Amino acid sequence: MTRRPENLNELIDELRQARDELRVQMHLAAAEVRDEWEVLEKKWGQFRSRAERVGEATGEAAEEVGEALELVGEELRKGYQHIRKVL
């Protein structure tokens, strides 16, 4: 089991690294994996956009959005791990 990141910046860095490593391997991937990659790319864009807003928000709203981002981040992590296993 992977360890849980300490903060949002650590999660962003971890996901960015996994994404970059997988992007390099994508040219060899089967069509099914490419389709999954495209879905994850859309989620990545949404994740980054929301993460930027959390950095700008304050108080309870930021905490709620931050918790939602953690869920999306975990979904991205699992998706990247799945693609890595397939490759």
N, C-alpha and C. Protein backbone atom coordinates (compact mmCIF):
# COMPACT_ATOMS: atom_id res chain seq x y z
N MET A 1 0.84 -1.19 0.00
CA MET A 1 0.00 0.00 0.00
C MET A 1 0.88 1.25 0.00
N THR A 2 0.50 2.24 -0.76
CA THR A 2 1.29 3.46 -0.82
C THR A 2 0.97 4.33 0.39
N ARG A 3 1.95 5.13 0.77
CA ARG A 3 1.74 6.00 1.92
C ARG A 3 0.90 7.21 1.52
N ARG A 4 0.22 7.76 2.48
CA ARG A 4 -0.63 8.92 2.23
C ARG A 4 0.22 10.19 2.30
N PRO A 5 0.07 11.08 1.32
CA PRO A 5 0.86 12.32 1.34
C PRO A 5 0.50 13.19 2.55
N GLU A 6 1.46 13.95 3.01
CA GLU A 6 1.27 14.80 4.18
C GLU A 6 0.43 16.04 3.87
N ASN A 7 0.51 16.53 2.65
CA ASN A 7 -0.23 17.74 2.31
C ASN A 7 -0.55 17.76 0.81
N LEU A 8 -1.31 18.74 0.41
CA LEU A 8 -1.76 18.84 -0.98
C LEU A 8 -0.58 19.01 -1.94
N ASN A 9 0.41 19.78 -1.57
CA ASN A 9 1.57 19.97 -2.45
C ASN A 9 2.31 18.66 -2.68
N GLU A 10 2.42 17.86 -1.63
CA GLU A 10 3.09 16.57 -1.77
C GLU A 10 2.28 15.66 -2.69
N LEU A 11 0.96 15.69 -2.56
CA LEU A 11 0.09 14.89 -3.43
C LEU A 11 0.24 15.34 -4.88
N ILE A 12 0.25 16.63 -5.10
CA ILE A 12 0.40 17.17 -6.46
C ILE A 12 1.73 16.72 -7.05
N ASP A 13 2.81 16.82 -6.28
CA ASP A 13 4.13 16.40 -6.77
C ASP A 13 4.15 14.91 -7.10
N GLU A 14 3.55 14.10 -6.23
CA GLU A 14 3.52 12.66 -6.45
C GLU A 14 2.74 12.31 -7.72
N LEU A 15 1.60 12.95 -7.89
CA LEU A 15 0.78 12.68 -9.08
C LEU A 15 1.46 13.19 -10.35
N ARG A 16 2.10 14.34 -10.26
CA ARG A 16 2.81 14.89 -11.43
C ARG A 16 3.93 13.95 -11.87
N GLN A 17 4.67 13.42 -10.91
CA GLN A 17 5.76 12.50 -11.24
C GLN A 17 5.22 11.22 -11.88
N ALA A 18 4.17 10.65 -11.29
CA ALA A 18 3.59 9.43 -11.86
C ALA A 18 3.08 9.69 -13.27
N ARG A 19 2.42 10.83 -13.46
CA ARG A 19 1.88 11.21 -14.76
C ARG A 19 2.99 11.36 -15.79
N ASP A 20 4.06 12.04 -15.42
CA ASP A 20 5.17 12.25 -16.34
C ASP A 20 5.84 10.94 -16.75
N GLU A 21 6.04 10.04 -15.77
CA GLU A 21 6.64 8.75 -16.07
C GLU A 21 5.77 7.93 -17.02
N LEU A 22 4.48 7.95 -16.77
CA LEU A 22 3.58 7.16 -17.61
C LEU A 22 3.44 7.75 -19.02
N ARG A 23 3.47 9.07 -19.11
CA ARG A 23 3.35 9.71 -20.43
C ARG A 23 4.47 9.24 -21.35
N VAL A 24 5.66 9.05 -20.80
CA VAL A 24 6.80 8.58 -21.59
C VAL A 24 6.53 7.19 -22.15
N GLN A 25 5.84 6.36 -21.39
CA GLN A 25 5.58 4.98 -21.80
C GLN A 25 4.33 4.83 -22.68
N MET A 26 3.54 5.88 -22.80
CA MET A 26 2.25 5.77 -23.49
C MET A 26 2.36 5.40 -24.97
N HIS A 27 3.42 5.75 -25.64
CA HIS A 27 3.52 5.47 -27.06
C HIS A 27 3.53 3.97 -27.33
N LEU A 28 3.82 3.16 -26.31
CA LEU A 28 3.84 1.72 -26.46
C LEU A 28 2.53 1.06 -26.00
N ALA A 29 1.65 1.84 -25.45
CA ALA A 29 0.45 1.29 -24.81
C ALA A 29 -0.61 0.85 -25.82
N ALA A 30 -1.40 -0.11 -25.39
CA ALA A 30 -2.53 -0.58 -26.19
C ALA A 30 -3.63 0.47 -26.17
N ALA A 31 -4.57 0.34 -27.09
CA ALA A 31 -5.65 1.32 -27.22
C ALA A 31 -6.48 1.44 -25.95
N GLU A 32 -6.71 0.35 -25.27
CA GLU A 32 -7.51 0.38 -24.04
C GLU A 32 -6.85 1.23 -22.97
N VAL A 33 -5.55 1.08 -22.83
CA VAL A 33 -4.83 1.87 -21.85
C VAL A 33 -4.82 3.33 -22.27
N ARG A 34 -4.71 3.60 -23.54
CA ARG A 34 -4.74 4.99 -24.01
C ARG A 34 -6.07 5.64 -23.68
N ASP A 35 -7.16 4.89 -23.83
CA ASP A 35 -8.48 5.43 -23.48
C ASP A 35 -8.53 5.76 -22.00
N GLU A 36 -8.02 4.87 -21.17
CA GLU A 36 -8.00 5.12 -19.73
C GLU A 36 -7.13 6.34 -19.43
N TRP A 37 -6.01 6.46 -20.14
CA TRP A 37 -5.12 7.61 -19.96
C TRP A 37 -5.86 8.91 -20.26
N GLU A 38 -6.64 8.93 -21.33
CA GLU A 38 -7.36 10.15 -21.70
C GLU A 38 -8.36 10.55 -20.62
N VAL A 39 -9.03 9.59 -20.02
CA VAL A 39 -9.95 9.88 -18.93
C VAL A 39 -9.18 10.49 -17.75
N LEU A 40 -8.04 9.89 -17.43
CA LEU A 40 -7.22 10.41 -16.33
C LEU A 40 -6.67 11.80 -16.64
N GLU A 41 -6.35 12.07 -17.88
CA GLU A 41 -5.85 13.40 -18.26
C GLU A 41 -6.92 14.46 -18.00
N LYS A 42 -8.17 14.15 -18.31
CA LYS A 42 -9.25 15.11 -18.04
C LYS A 42 -9.39 15.34 -16.54
N LYS A 43 -9.32 14.26 -15.76
CA LYS A 43 -9.41 14.39 -14.31
C LYS A 43 -8.22 15.17 -13.76
N TRP A 44 -7.04 14.96 -14.35
CA TRP A 44 -5.85 15.69 -13.92
C TRP A 44 -6.06 17.19 -14.10
N GLY A 45 -6.59 17.57 -15.24
CA GLY A 45 -6.85 18.99 -15.50
C GLY A 45 -7.81 19.59 -14.48
N GLN A 46 -8.87 18.86 -14.18
CA GLN A 46 -9.84 19.31 -13.18
C GLN A 46 -9.19 19.38 -11.80
N PHE A 47 -8.38 18.38 -11.48
CA PHE A 47 -7.70 18.33 -10.19
C PHE A 47 -6.80 19.55 -10.02
N ARG A 48 -5.98 19.83 -11.02
CA ARG A 48 -5.05 20.97 -10.93
C ARG A 48 -5.80 22.29 -10.79
N SER A 49 -6.88 22.44 -11.54
CA SER A 49 -7.67 23.66 -11.47
C SER A 49 -8.24 23.85 -10.07
N ARG A 50 -8.78 22.79 -9.51
CA ARG A 50 -9.36 22.87 -8.16
C ARG A 50 -8.27 23.08 -7.11
N ALA A 51 -7.12 22.45 -7.30
CA ALA A 51 -6.02 22.62 -6.35
C ALA A 51 -5.58 24.07 -6.30
N GLU A 52 -5.55 24.73 -7.43
CA GLU A 52 -5.17 26.14 -7.46
C GLU A 52 -6.18 26.98 -6.70
N ARG A 53 -7.47 26.63 -6.83
CA ARG A 53 -8.50 27.38 -6.12
C ARG A 53 -8.40 27.17 -4.61
N VAL A 54 -8.01 25.97 -4.19
CA VAL A 54 -7.85 25.71 -2.76
C VAL A 54 -6.75 26.59 -2.20
N GLY A 55 -5.69 26.76 -2.98
CA GLY A 55 -4.60 27.62 -2.54
C GLY A 55 -5.03 29.07 -2.35
N GLU A 56 -6.07 29.46 -3.06
CA GLU A 56 -6.56 30.83 -2.98
C GLU A 56 -7.69 30.98 -1.95
N ALA A 57 -8.35 29.89 -1.59
CA ALA A 57 -9.49 29.93 -0.69
C ALA A 57 -9.03 29.92 0.76
N THR A 58 -9.94 30.29 1.64
CA THR A 58 -9.64 30.26 3.06
C THR A 58 -10.80 29.63 3.83
N GLY A 59 -10.52 29.24 5.04
CA GLY A 59 -11.55 28.79 5.96
C GLY A 59 -12.17 27.45 5.63
N GLU A 60 -13.41 27.30 6.03
CA GLU A 60 -14.13 26.04 5.90
C GLU A 60 -14.29 25.60 4.46
N ALA A 61 -14.51 26.54 3.57
CA ALA A 61 -14.67 26.18 2.15
C ALA A 61 -13.40 25.53 1.63
N ALA A 62 -12.26 26.05 1.99
CA ALA A 62 -10.99 25.49 1.55
C ALA A 62 -10.81 24.08 2.09
N GLU A 63 -11.22 23.86 3.33
CA GLU A 63 -11.10 22.53 3.92
C GLU A 63 -11.98 21.53 3.19
N GLU A 64 -13.21 21.93 2.87
CA GLU A 64 -14.12 21.04 2.15
C GLU A 64 -13.61 20.72 0.76
N VAL A 65 -13.14 21.73 0.06
CA VAL A 65 -12.60 21.52 -1.28
C VAL A 65 -11.34 20.68 -1.20
N GLY A 66 -10.53 20.91 -0.19
CA GLY A 66 -9.31 20.13 -0.01
C GLY A 66 -9.62 18.66 0.21
N GLU A 67 -10.65 18.35 0.97
CA GLU A 67 -11.04 16.96 1.20
C GLU A 67 -11.52 16.32 -0.10
N ALA A 68 -12.29 17.07 -0.88
CA ALA A 68 -12.75 16.55 -2.17
C ALA A 68 -11.57 16.31 -3.10
N LEU A 69 -10.59 17.20 -3.06
CA LEU A 69 -9.39 17.04 -3.89
C LEU A 69 -8.61 15.78 -3.51
N GLU A 70 -8.57 15.49 -2.23
CA GLU A 70 -7.89 14.27 -1.79
C GLU A 70 -8.55 13.04 -2.41
N LEU A 71 -9.87 13.04 -2.48
CA LEU A 71 -10.58 11.91 -3.08
C LEU A 71 -10.25 11.79 -4.57
N VAL A 72 -10.25 12.91 -5.27
CA VAL A 72 -9.91 12.90 -6.69
C VAL A 72 -8.45 12.48 -6.86
N GLY A 73 -7.60 12.98 -5.99
CA GLY A 73 -6.18 12.61 -6.06
C GLY A 73 -5.99 11.12 -5.86
N GLU A 74 -6.72 10.53 -4.95
CA GLU A 74 -6.62 9.09 -4.72
C GLU A 74 -7.12 8.32 -5.95
N GLU A 75 -8.17 8.81 -6.58
CA GLU A 75 -8.67 8.18 -7.80
C GLU A 75 -7.62 8.25 -8.91
N LEU A 76 -6.97 9.40 -9.04
CA LEU A 76 -5.90 9.54 -10.03
C LEU A 76 -4.74 8.59 -9.71
N ARG A 77 -4.36 8.52 -8.44
CA ARG A 77 -3.26 7.64 -8.03
C ARG A 77 -3.58 6.19 -8.42
N LYS A 78 -4.78 5.74 -8.13
CA LYS A 78 -5.17 4.37 -8.46
C LYS A 78 -5.17 4.15 -9.97
N GLY A 79 -5.64 5.13 -10.72
CA GLY A 79 -5.63 5.02 -12.17
C GLY A 79 -4.21 4.93 -12.72
N TYR A 80 -3.31 5.75 -12.21
CA TYR A 80 -1.92 5.71 -12.65
C TYR A 80 -1.27 4.38 -12.28
N GLN A 81 -1.58 3.88 -11.09
CA GLN A 81 -1.04 2.58 -10.68
C GLN A 81 -1.54 1.47 -11.59
N HIS A 82 -2.80 1.53 -11.98
CA HIS A 82 -3.35 0.52 -12.87
C HIS A 82 -2.65 0.54 -14.22
N ILE A 83 -2.46 1.72 -14.77
CA ILE A 83 -1.78 1.85 -16.06
C ILE A 83 -0.35 1.35 -15.95
N ARG A 84 0.32 1.69 -14.85
CA ARG A 84 1.70 1.22 -14.65
C ARG A 84 1.75 -0.29 -14.64
N LYS A 85 0.79 -0.95 -14.00
CA LYS A 85 0.75 -2.42 -13.96
C LYS A 85 0.54 -2.99 -15.34
N VAL A 86 -0.32 -2.37 -16.12
CA VAL A 86 -0.60 -2.85 -17.48
C VAL A 86 0.62 -2.71 -18.37
N LEU A 87 1.36 -1.63 -18.20
CA LEU A 87 2.54 -1.40 -19.02
C LEU A 87 3.66 -2.31 -18.56
